[in-house]
N, C-alpha and C. Protein backbone atom coordinates (compact mmCIF):
# COMPACT_ATOMS: atom_id res chain seq x y z
N UNK A 1 29.87 36.80 28.83
CA UNK A 1 28.79 37.31 28.05
C UNK A 1 28.80 38.78 27.78
N UNK A 2 29.24 39.51 28.84
CA UNK A 2 29.34 41.00 28.69
C UNK A 2 30.31 41.34 27.56
N UNK A 3 31.47 40.66 27.52
CA UNK A 3 32.49 40.91 26.48
C UNK A 3 31.92 40.62 25.10
N UNK A 4 31.10 39.65 24.86
CA UNK A 4 30.51 39.28 23.61
C UNK A 4 29.60 40.53 23.15
N UNK A 5 28.71 40.93 24.06
CA UNK A 5 27.80 42.08 23.76
C UNK A 5 28.58 43.32 23.58
N UNK A 6 29.66 43.52 24.33
CA UNK A 6 30.43 44.76 24.18
C UNK A 6 30.98 44.96 22.77
N UNK A 7 31.45 43.84 22.16
CA UNK A 7 31.99 43.93 20.87
C UNK A 7 31.06 44.52 19.79
N UNK A 8 29.81 44.14 19.85
CA UNK A 8 28.82 44.62 18.90
C UNK A 8 28.43 46.04 19.25
N UNK A 9 28.30 46.33 20.51
CA UNK A 9 28.06 47.77 20.92
C UNK A 9 29.12 48.69 20.51
N UNK A 10 30.37 48.23 20.76
CA UNK A 10 31.56 49.14 20.42
C UNK A 10 31.60 49.45 18.95
N UNK A 11 31.25 48.48 18.13
CA UNK A 11 31.28 48.72 16.67
C UNK A 11 30.23 49.78 16.31
N UNK A 12 29.02 49.82 16.94
CA UNK A 12 28.00 50.74 16.72
C UNK A 12 28.44 52.16 17.22
N UNK A 13 29.08 52.11 18.36
CA UNK A 13 29.59 53.39 18.91
C UNK A 13 30.61 54.06 18.05
N UNK A 14 31.54 53.22 17.56
CA UNK A 14 32.65 53.71 16.64
C UNK A 14 32.01 54.31 15.38
N UNK A 15 30.97 53.64 14.81
CA UNK A 15 30.34 54.21 13.65
C UNK A 15 29.67 55.50 13.88
N UNK A 16 29.04 55.60 15.07
CA UNK A 16 28.32 56.80 15.47
C UNK A 16 29.34 57.94 15.58
N UNK A 17 30.52 57.64 16.12
CA UNK A 17 31.53 58.64 16.34
C UNK A 17 32.12 59.08 14.96
N UNK A 18 32.26 58.13 14.04
CA UNK A 18 32.82 58.44 12.68
C UNK A 18 31.95 59.31 11.89
N UNK A 19 30.65 59.10 11.98
CA UNK A 19 29.67 59.72 11.14
C UNK A 19 29.01 60.97 11.75
N UNK A 20 29.36 61.41 12.90
CA UNK A 20 28.66 62.56 13.46
C UNK A 20 29.16 63.88 12.85
N UNK A 21 28.35 64.76 12.63
CA UNK A 21 28.73 66.03 11.98
C UNK A 21 29.28 67.08 12.95
N UNK A 22 29.30 66.73 14.24
CA UNK A 22 29.72 67.71 15.27
C UNK A 22 31.16 67.43 15.79
N UNK A 23 31.90 66.60 15.07
CA UNK A 23 33.23 66.30 15.43
C UNK A 23 33.37 65.63 16.83
N UNK A 24 32.36 64.93 17.27
CA UNK A 24 32.47 64.24 18.55
C UNK A 24 33.41 63.09 18.48
N UNK A 25 34.07 62.86 19.62
CA UNK A 25 35.02 61.84 19.70
C UNK A 25 34.65 60.83 20.71
N UNK A 26 34.85 59.53 20.45
CA UNK A 26 34.65 58.53 21.40
C UNK A 26 35.91 58.39 22.15
N UNK A 27 35.91 58.64 23.51
CA UNK A 27 37.16 58.62 24.34
C UNK A 27 37.04 57.63 25.44
N UNK A 28 38.14 57.18 25.99
CA UNK A 28 38.15 56.35 27.15
C UNK A 28 37.73 54.90 26.82
N UNK A 29 37.93 54.46 25.62
CA UNK A 29 37.51 53.07 25.19
C UNK A 29 38.12 52.02 26.10
N UNK A 30 39.30 52.34 26.67
CA UNK A 30 39.93 51.34 27.50
C UNK A 30 39.13 51.07 28.79
N UNK A 31 38.17 52.00 29.08
CA UNK A 31 37.35 51.80 30.25
C UNK A 31 35.91 51.33 29.94
N UNK A 32 35.70 50.83 28.70
CA UNK A 32 34.36 50.52 28.23
C UNK A 32 33.71 49.28 28.93
N UNK A 33 34.59 48.44 29.54
CA UNK A 33 34.01 47.35 30.32
C UNK A 33 34.41 47.55 31.83
N UNK A 34 33.45 47.60 32.66
CA UNK A 34 33.78 47.74 34.09
C UNK A 34 34.80 46.71 34.50
N UNK A 35 35.66 47.10 35.44
CA UNK A 35 36.63 46.17 35.96
C UNK A 35 36.00 44.93 36.51
N UNK A 36 36.69 43.81 36.33
CA UNK A 36 36.21 42.52 36.72
C UNK A 36 35.77 42.37 38.17
N UNK A 37 36.60 42.91 39.04
CA UNK A 37 36.30 42.83 40.49
C UNK A 37 35.03 43.61 40.79
N UNK A 38 34.94 44.86 40.32
CA UNK A 38 33.77 45.73 40.54
C UNK A 38 32.58 45.14 39.90
N UNK A 39 32.70 44.56 38.73
CA UNK A 39 31.58 43.86 38.03
C UNK A 39 31.04 42.76 38.90
N UNK A 40 31.99 41.86 39.38
CA UNK A 40 31.56 40.78 40.26
C UNK A 40 30.80 41.28 41.47
N UNK A 41 31.33 42.38 42.10
CA UNK A 41 30.63 42.98 43.25
C UNK A 41 29.22 43.37 42.93
N UNK A 42 29.06 44.03 41.78
CA UNK A 42 27.74 44.48 41.43
C UNK A 42 26.80 43.28 41.07
N UNK A 43 27.35 42.26 40.44
CA UNK A 43 26.52 41.04 40.21
C UNK A 43 26.07 40.46 41.49
N UNK A 44 27.00 40.29 42.43
CA UNK A 44 26.71 39.69 43.72
C UNK A 44 25.64 40.55 44.49
N UNK A 45 25.74 41.90 44.43
CA UNK A 45 24.74 42.78 45.02
C UNK A 45 23.42 42.55 44.42
N UNK A 46 23.37 42.53 43.08
CA UNK A 46 22.02 42.35 42.42
C UNK A 46 21.47 40.96 42.82
N UNK A 47 22.29 39.93 42.83
CA UNK A 47 21.71 38.57 43.17
C UNK A 47 21.27 38.52 44.59
N UNK A 48 21.97 39.28 45.50
CA UNK A 48 21.59 39.34 46.92
C UNK A 48 20.21 39.91 47.07
N UNK A 49 19.89 40.99 46.30
CA UNK A 49 18.63 41.60 46.32
C UNK A 49 17.59 40.91 45.51
N UNK A 50 18.00 40.12 44.58
CA UNK A 50 17.03 39.40 43.61
C UNK A 50 17.62 38.00 43.45
N UNK A 51 17.39 37.13 44.49
CA UNK A 51 18.07 35.77 44.42
C UNK A 51 17.62 34.86 43.26
N UNK A 52 16.53 35.20 42.56
CA UNK A 52 16.04 34.41 41.43
C UNK A 52 16.87 34.68 40.19
N UNK A 53 17.67 35.70 40.21
CA UNK A 53 18.46 36.08 39.02
C UNK A 53 19.66 35.19 38.85
N UNK A 54 19.94 34.88 37.61
CA UNK A 54 21.27 34.18 37.34
C UNK A 54 22.33 35.15 37.21
N UNK A 55 23.59 34.77 37.35
CA UNK A 55 24.63 35.75 37.10
C UNK A 55 24.56 36.45 35.75
N UNK A 56 24.24 35.65 34.73
CA UNK A 56 24.15 36.30 33.38
C UNK A 56 23.06 37.36 33.29
N UNK A 57 21.92 37.03 33.95
CA UNK A 57 20.83 38.00 33.98
C UNK A 57 21.21 39.29 34.74
N UNK A 58 21.84 39.04 35.88
CA UNK A 58 22.28 40.12 36.72
C UNK A 58 23.26 41.04 35.90
N UNK A 59 24.17 40.45 35.24
CA UNK A 59 25.26 41.18 34.45
C UNK A 59 24.60 42.01 33.40
N UNK A 60 23.57 41.46 32.71
CA UNK A 60 22.92 42.14 31.59
C UNK A 60 22.18 43.40 32.13
N UNK A 61 21.75 43.32 33.45
CA UNK A 61 20.98 44.45 33.95
C UNK A 61 21.86 45.50 34.67
N UNK A 62 23.10 45.35 34.77
CA UNK A 62 23.95 46.32 35.38
C UNK A 62 24.11 47.51 34.39
N UNK A 63 23.72 48.67 34.82
CA UNK A 63 23.62 49.83 33.88
C UNK A 63 24.98 50.23 33.31
N UNK A 64 26.07 50.04 34.04
CA UNK A 64 27.33 50.50 33.50
C UNK A 64 28.43 49.45 33.35
N UNK A 65 27.94 48.19 33.14
CA UNK A 65 28.96 47.12 32.97
C UNK A 65 29.67 47.36 31.63
N UNK A 66 28.93 48.01 30.66
CA UNK A 66 29.52 48.46 29.36
C UNK A 66 29.23 49.96 29.35
N UNK A 67 30.22 50.80 29.04
CA UNK A 67 30.00 52.19 29.02
C UNK A 67 30.95 52.87 28.01
N UNK A 68 30.44 54.00 27.55
CA UNK A 68 31.05 54.76 26.53
C UNK A 68 31.02 56.25 26.86
N UNK A 69 31.95 57.01 26.29
CA UNK A 69 31.91 58.48 26.54
C UNK A 69 32.23 59.17 25.15
N UNK A 70 31.38 60.11 24.87
CA UNK A 70 31.48 60.96 23.70
C UNK A 70 31.96 62.36 24.17
N UNK A 71 32.94 62.97 23.54
CA UNK A 71 33.39 64.41 23.87
C UNK A 71 33.03 65.25 22.65
N UNK A 72 32.57 66.39 23.01
CA UNK A 72 32.22 67.47 22.01
C UNK A 72 32.79 68.79 22.51
N UNK A 73 33.04 69.66 21.55
CA UNK A 73 33.38 71.01 21.87
C UNK A 73 32.18 71.69 22.49
N UNK A 74 32.36 72.67 23.42
CA UNK A 74 31.24 73.28 24.06
C UNK A 74 30.16 73.87 23.18
N UNK A 75 30.62 74.41 22.06
CA UNK A 75 29.59 75.08 21.14
C UNK A 75 28.84 74.07 20.27
N UNK A 76 29.34 72.81 20.22
CA UNK A 76 28.64 71.72 19.44
C UNK A 76 28.09 70.67 20.40
N UNK A 77 28.15 70.79 21.63
CA UNK A 77 27.81 69.74 22.58
C UNK A 77 26.33 69.39 22.54
N UNK A 78 25.46 70.32 22.51
CA UNK A 78 23.99 70.03 22.53
C UNK A 78 23.55 69.38 21.23
N UNK A 79 24.04 69.95 20.17
CA UNK A 79 23.76 69.31 18.91
C UNK A 79 24.35 67.89 18.78
N UNK A 80 25.56 67.76 19.25
CA UNK A 80 26.22 66.49 19.22
C UNK A 80 25.46 65.41 20.00
N UNK A 81 25.08 65.82 21.27
CA UNK A 81 24.19 64.95 22.04
C UNK A 81 23.01 64.42 21.30
N UNK A 82 22.29 65.44 20.69
CA UNK A 82 21.11 65.00 19.96
C UNK A 82 21.37 64.10 18.75
N UNK A 83 22.49 64.33 18.11
CA UNK A 83 22.81 63.48 16.94
C UNK A 83 23.19 62.07 17.33
N UNK A 84 23.98 61.92 18.41
CA UNK A 84 24.29 60.52 18.95
C UNK A 84 23.10 59.91 19.45
N UNK A 85 22.26 60.61 20.16
CA UNK A 85 20.95 60.04 20.71
C UNK A 85 20.16 59.44 19.51
N UNK A 86 20.05 60.20 18.45
CA UNK A 86 19.21 59.77 17.27
C UNK A 86 19.93 58.59 16.64
N UNK A 87 21.22 58.54 16.61
CA UNK A 87 21.87 57.37 15.99
C UNK A 87 21.67 56.10 16.81
N UNK A 88 21.71 56.28 18.16
CA UNK A 88 21.45 55.05 19.00
C UNK A 88 20.00 54.59 18.92
N UNK A 89 19.15 55.54 18.85
CA UNK A 89 17.74 55.14 18.59
C UNK A 89 17.47 54.45 17.28
N UNK A 90 18.23 54.97 16.27
CA UNK A 90 18.06 54.28 14.93
C UNK A 90 18.63 52.88 14.94
N UNK A 91 19.57 52.59 15.88
CA UNK A 91 20.08 51.30 16.07
C UNK A 91 19.18 50.44 16.96
N UNK A 92 17.95 50.92 17.20
CA UNK A 92 17.01 50.27 18.02
C UNK A 92 17.42 50.09 19.48
N UNK A 93 18.27 51.00 19.94
CA UNK A 93 18.56 51.04 21.38
C UNK A 93 17.57 51.96 22.01
N UNK A 94 17.14 51.68 23.20
CA UNK A 94 16.21 52.55 23.91
C UNK A 94 16.71 53.18 25.09
N UNK A 95 16.63 54.56 25.13
CA UNK A 95 17.10 55.28 26.30
C UNK A 95 16.16 55.04 27.50
N UNK A 96 16.68 54.68 28.60
CA UNK A 96 15.91 54.46 29.79
C UNK A 96 16.17 55.46 30.91
N UNK A 97 17.20 56.28 30.66
CA UNK A 97 17.57 57.22 31.78
C UNK A 97 18.51 58.26 31.17
N UNK A 98 18.33 59.59 31.60
CA UNK A 98 19.21 60.62 31.20
C UNK A 98 19.24 61.57 32.38
N UNK A 99 20.50 61.91 32.80
CA UNK A 99 20.72 62.90 33.89
C UNK A 99 21.63 63.97 33.39
N UNK A 100 21.16 65.18 33.41
CA UNK A 100 22.00 66.32 32.96
C UNK A 100 22.59 66.89 34.20
N UNK A 101 23.85 66.55 34.46
CA UNK A 101 24.54 67.00 35.67
C UNK A 101 25.12 68.42 35.47
N UNK A 102 25.10 68.98 34.34
CA UNK A 102 25.53 70.36 34.13
C UNK A 102 24.65 71.31 34.91
N UNK A 103 23.35 71.00 35.06
CA UNK A 103 22.44 71.93 35.61
C UNK A 103 22.51 72.05 37.17
N UNK A 104 22.64 70.86 37.82
CA UNK A 104 22.40 70.93 39.26
C UNK A 104 23.29 70.05 40.11
N UNK A 105 24.49 69.69 39.55
CA UNK A 105 25.39 68.88 40.30
C UNK A 105 26.73 69.65 40.45
N UNK A 106 26.98 70.09 41.64
CA UNK A 106 28.25 70.94 41.83
C UNK A 106 29.50 70.10 41.80
N UNK A 107 29.38 68.81 41.86
CA UNK A 107 30.53 67.89 41.98
C UNK A 107 30.91 67.07 40.74
N UNK A 108 30.10 67.25 39.67
CA UNK A 108 30.34 66.53 38.44
C UNK A 108 29.66 67.19 37.31
N UNK A 109 30.34 67.32 36.17
CA UNK A 109 29.78 67.92 34.99
C UNK A 109 29.78 66.91 33.83
N UNK A 110 28.59 66.81 33.26
CA UNK A 110 28.45 65.94 32.07
C UNK A 110 27.03 65.41 32.05
N UNK A 111 26.69 64.59 31.06
CA UNK A 111 25.38 64.03 30.93
C UNK A 111 25.57 62.48 30.97
N UNK A 112 24.92 61.81 31.72
CA UNK A 112 24.90 60.28 31.85
C UNK A 112 23.57 59.81 31.36
N UNK A 113 23.71 58.85 30.43
CA UNK A 113 22.41 58.27 29.87
C UNK A 113 22.68 56.72 30.07
N UNK A 114 21.49 56.09 30.14
CA UNK A 114 21.55 54.60 30.18
C UNK A 114 20.61 54.16 29.05
N UNK A 115 21.01 53.08 28.43
CA UNK A 115 20.35 52.46 27.26
C UNK A 115 20.11 50.97 27.51
N UNK A 116 19.22 50.45 26.71
CA UNK A 116 19.05 48.95 26.61
C UNK A 116 18.90 48.53 25.24
N UNK A 117 19.59 47.40 24.89
CA UNK A 117 19.52 46.79 23.54
C UNK A 117 18.19 46.02 23.40
N UNK A 118 17.83 45.56 22.23
CA UNK A 118 16.65 44.70 22.05
C UNK A 118 16.79 43.31 22.83
N UNK A 119 18.07 42.95 23.04
CA UNK A 119 18.24 41.71 23.83
C UNK A 119 18.29 41.86 25.30
N UNK A 120 18.10 43.15 25.73
CA UNK A 120 18.08 43.46 27.21
C UNK A 120 19.38 43.82 27.80
N UNK A 121 20.45 44.01 27.08
CA UNK A 121 21.79 44.41 27.62
C UNK A 121 21.69 45.91 27.88
N UNK A 122 21.98 46.28 29.12
CA UNK A 122 22.03 47.71 29.43
C UNK A 122 23.46 48.19 29.29
N UNK A 123 23.60 49.50 28.93
CA UNK A 123 24.89 50.11 28.80
C UNK A 123 24.74 51.61 29.05
N UNK A 124 25.85 52.25 29.39
CA UNK A 124 25.91 53.65 29.74
C UNK A 124 26.57 54.43 28.66
N UNK A 125 26.09 55.65 28.30
CA UNK A 125 26.77 56.56 27.47
C UNK A 125 26.79 57.89 28.13
N UNK A 126 28.08 58.41 28.36
CA UNK A 126 28.28 59.74 28.92
C UNK A 126 28.67 60.71 27.86
N UNK A 127 28.29 61.95 28.06
CA UNK A 127 28.54 63.08 27.19
C UNK A 127 29.33 64.11 27.93
N UNK A 128 30.51 64.44 27.40
CA UNK A 128 31.40 65.39 28.04
C UNK A 128 31.99 66.36 26.96
N UNK A 129 32.60 67.40 27.55
CA UNK A 129 33.51 68.24 26.80
C UNK A 129 34.92 67.64 27.13
N UNK A 130 35.91 68.06 26.43
CA UNK A 130 37.23 67.55 26.74
C UNK A 130 37.60 67.96 28.14
N UNK A 131 37.26 69.19 28.45
CA UNK A 131 37.48 69.71 29.87
C UNK A 131 36.77 68.96 30.92
N UNK A 132 35.52 68.67 30.78
CA UNK A 132 34.77 67.96 31.86
C UNK A 132 35.24 66.51 31.89
N UNK A 133 35.64 65.93 30.79
CA UNK A 133 36.10 64.53 30.78
C UNK A 133 37.45 64.48 31.59
N UNK A 134 38.28 65.45 31.30
CA UNK A 134 39.53 65.56 31.98
C UNK A 134 39.35 65.69 33.48
N UNK A 135 38.47 66.59 33.90
CA UNK A 135 38.15 66.83 35.28
C UNK A 135 37.66 65.54 35.93
N UNK A 136 36.78 64.82 35.26
CA UNK A 136 36.20 63.53 35.82
C UNK A 136 37.24 62.40 35.88
N UNK A 137 37.94 62.27 34.75
CA UNK A 137 38.86 61.03 34.65
C UNK A 137 40.17 61.31 35.26
N UNK A 138 40.75 62.42 35.11
CA UNK A 138 42.18 62.66 35.52
C UNK A 138 42.31 63.41 36.87
N UNK A 139 41.31 64.30 37.13
CA UNK A 139 41.50 65.22 38.32
C UNK A 139 40.74 64.72 39.53
N UNK A 140 39.44 64.38 39.39
CA UNK A 140 38.57 64.11 40.56
C UNK A 140 38.21 62.61 40.73
N UNK A 141 38.65 61.71 39.79
CA UNK A 141 38.24 60.33 39.99
C UNK A 141 38.67 59.70 41.33
N UNK A 142 39.86 59.95 41.80
CA UNK A 142 40.22 59.46 43.09
C UNK A 142 39.33 59.96 44.24
N UNK A 143 38.98 61.24 44.07
CA UNK A 143 38.13 61.84 45.17
C UNK A 143 36.76 61.17 45.11
N UNK A 144 36.22 60.99 43.89
CA UNK A 144 34.93 60.25 43.71
C UNK A 144 35.00 58.86 44.34
N UNK A 145 36.01 58.14 44.07
CA UNK A 145 36.17 56.80 44.67
C UNK A 145 36.15 56.86 46.18
N UNK A 146 36.89 57.81 46.77
CA UNK A 146 36.90 57.98 48.16
C UNK A 146 35.49 58.33 48.76
N UNK A 147 34.82 59.18 48.06
CA UNK A 147 33.50 59.62 48.57
C UNK A 147 32.48 58.52 48.57
N UNK A 148 32.57 57.60 47.69
CA UNK A 148 31.56 56.47 47.59
C UNK A 148 32.06 55.30 48.42
N UNK A 149 33.22 55.27 49.00
CA UNK A 149 33.64 54.17 49.78
C UNK A 149 33.05 54.23 51.21
N UNK A 150 32.37 53.17 51.56
CA UNK A 150 31.72 53.12 52.87
C UNK A 150 32.63 53.34 54.05
N UNK A 151 33.91 53.05 53.90
CA UNK A 151 34.89 53.23 54.94
C UNK A 151 35.44 54.61 55.14
N UNK A 152 35.14 55.48 54.19
CA UNK A 152 35.52 56.87 54.24
C UNK A 152 34.73 57.60 55.34
N UNK A 153 35.55 58.23 56.18
CA UNK A 153 34.81 58.96 57.31
C UNK A 153 34.16 60.18 56.78
N UNK A 154 33.11 60.66 57.52
CA UNK A 154 32.28 61.79 57.07
C UNK A 154 33.17 63.06 56.84
N UNK A 155 34.15 63.34 57.66
CA UNK A 155 34.94 64.50 57.50
C UNK A 155 35.76 64.47 56.20
N UNK A 156 36.34 63.27 55.91
CA UNK A 156 37.07 63.16 54.69
C UNK A 156 36.12 63.18 53.49
N UNK A 157 34.96 62.62 53.63
CA UNK A 157 34.00 62.65 52.51
C UNK A 157 33.65 64.13 52.22
N UNK A 158 33.42 64.97 53.21
CA UNK A 158 33.15 66.41 53.00
C UNK A 158 34.26 67.06 52.31
N UNK A 159 35.52 66.75 52.65
CA UNK A 159 36.73 67.34 51.99
C UNK A 159 36.78 66.99 50.57
N UNK A 160 36.61 65.71 50.21
CA UNK A 160 36.76 65.31 48.82
C UNK A 160 35.66 65.81 47.96
N UNK A 161 34.45 65.94 48.61
CA UNK A 161 33.31 66.60 47.82
C UNK A 161 33.58 67.99 47.62
N UNK A 162 34.16 68.71 48.59
CA UNK A 162 34.48 70.15 48.40
C UNK A 162 35.47 70.26 47.27
N UNK A 163 36.48 69.31 47.22
CA UNK A 163 37.49 69.37 46.20
C UNK A 163 36.84 69.21 44.86
N UNK A 164 35.91 68.27 44.72
CA UNK A 164 35.19 68.00 43.46
C UNK A 164 34.45 69.33 43.05
N UNK A 165 33.80 69.96 43.99
CA UNK A 165 33.08 71.18 43.72
C UNK A 165 34.02 72.27 43.21
N UNK A 166 35.16 72.33 43.84
CA UNK A 166 36.16 73.42 43.43
C UNK A 166 36.60 73.19 42.01
N UNK A 167 36.98 71.96 41.63
CA UNK A 167 37.33 71.61 40.34
C UNK A 167 36.31 71.97 39.31
N UNK A 168 35.10 71.61 39.61
CA UNK A 168 33.97 71.81 38.65
C UNK A 168 33.67 73.31 38.40
N UNK A 169 34.02 74.21 39.35
CA UNK A 169 33.78 75.61 39.15
C UNK A 169 34.63 76.11 37.98
N UNK A 170 35.68 75.40 37.58
CA UNK A 170 36.64 75.89 36.49
C UNK A 170 36.16 75.22 35.07
N UNK A 171 35.19 74.29 35.11
CA UNK A 171 34.82 73.63 33.85
C UNK A 171 33.74 74.51 33.13
N UNK A 172 34.13 74.92 31.93
CA UNK A 172 33.15 75.74 31.14
C UNK A 172 31.92 74.97 30.74
N UNK A 173 30.80 75.63 30.92
CA UNK A 173 29.45 74.93 30.64
C UNK A 173 29.06 75.18 29.17
N UNK A 174 28.73 74.11 28.44
CA UNK A 174 28.36 74.21 27.03
C UNK A 174 27.14 75.15 26.86
N UNK A 175 27.12 75.76 25.66
CA UNK A 175 26.05 76.67 25.28
C UNK A 175 24.78 75.84 25.22
N UNK A 176 23.65 76.37 25.83
CA UNK A 176 22.31 75.87 25.84
C UNK A 176 22.17 74.45 26.41
N UNK A 177 23.20 73.99 27.25
CA UNK A 177 23.07 72.64 27.78
C UNK A 177 21.87 72.47 28.67
N UNK A 178 21.31 73.51 29.29
CA UNK A 178 20.14 73.37 30.12
C UNK A 178 18.88 72.90 29.36
N UNK A 179 18.99 72.96 28.01
CA UNK A 179 17.83 72.51 27.27
C UNK A 179 17.69 70.98 27.20
N UNK A 180 18.69 70.28 27.58
CA UNK A 180 18.68 68.83 27.64
C UNK A 180 18.13 68.45 28.96
N UNK A 181 16.94 67.79 28.84
CA UNK A 181 16.16 67.47 30.05
C UNK A 181 16.46 66.04 30.64
N UNK A 182 16.22 65.95 31.85
CA UNK A 182 16.41 64.65 32.55
C UNK A 182 15.25 63.75 32.11
N UNK A 183 15.43 62.40 32.18
CA UNK A 183 14.48 61.48 31.71
C UNK A 183 14.70 60.17 32.54
N UNK A 184 13.67 59.53 32.94
CA UNK A 184 13.71 58.22 33.55
C UNK A 184 12.49 57.46 33.14
N UNK A 185 12.75 56.30 32.51
CA UNK A 185 11.64 55.43 32.07
C UNK A 185 10.89 54.93 33.18
N UNK A 186 9.63 54.77 33.20
CA UNK A 186 8.88 54.17 34.26
C UNK A 186 9.32 52.83 34.56
N UNK A 187 9.37 52.52 35.89
CA UNK A 187 9.79 51.19 36.30
C UNK A 187 11.23 50.95 36.35
N UNK A 188 12.01 51.94 36.12
CA UNK A 188 13.51 51.75 36.14
C UNK A 188 13.98 52.26 37.47
């Protein structure tokens, strides 16, 4: 079911990328669907906490089962974010969450948003610069995975988190990015 919904969403995302005036690019499309094993884990966790949910309902409510990333140049980042946000809202998608990690997260740089379709399918859209995307995807992803693993010892967790902070000190911050505020819909 996720794959079916993903196709329609991907089409809308590709159109938003083609038509934006800020030269934003849709990147990492090969990661647009969460890996099958991790998706099954998340569905099982959701059902464990909410036993009345069917697997299809649980999958629809996983925030990042379907995910996209837009990259903008630092000088067009804020305008690009606003333009893509408007295009998604015009497609009758509703933003339910926005976290601007540029302002207060020393281990990750970017903006993560969560959306919901009229049918109730949730999906994630991240906003990066080419540099922050490279740092996240190519440089620190393994460290992130280690830090969230329950089997990682505290000392190793501190080391990988320090590594992520070090990498992020070299990522240039987009102009006026602090103007993008955090948001969380009530009840989410």
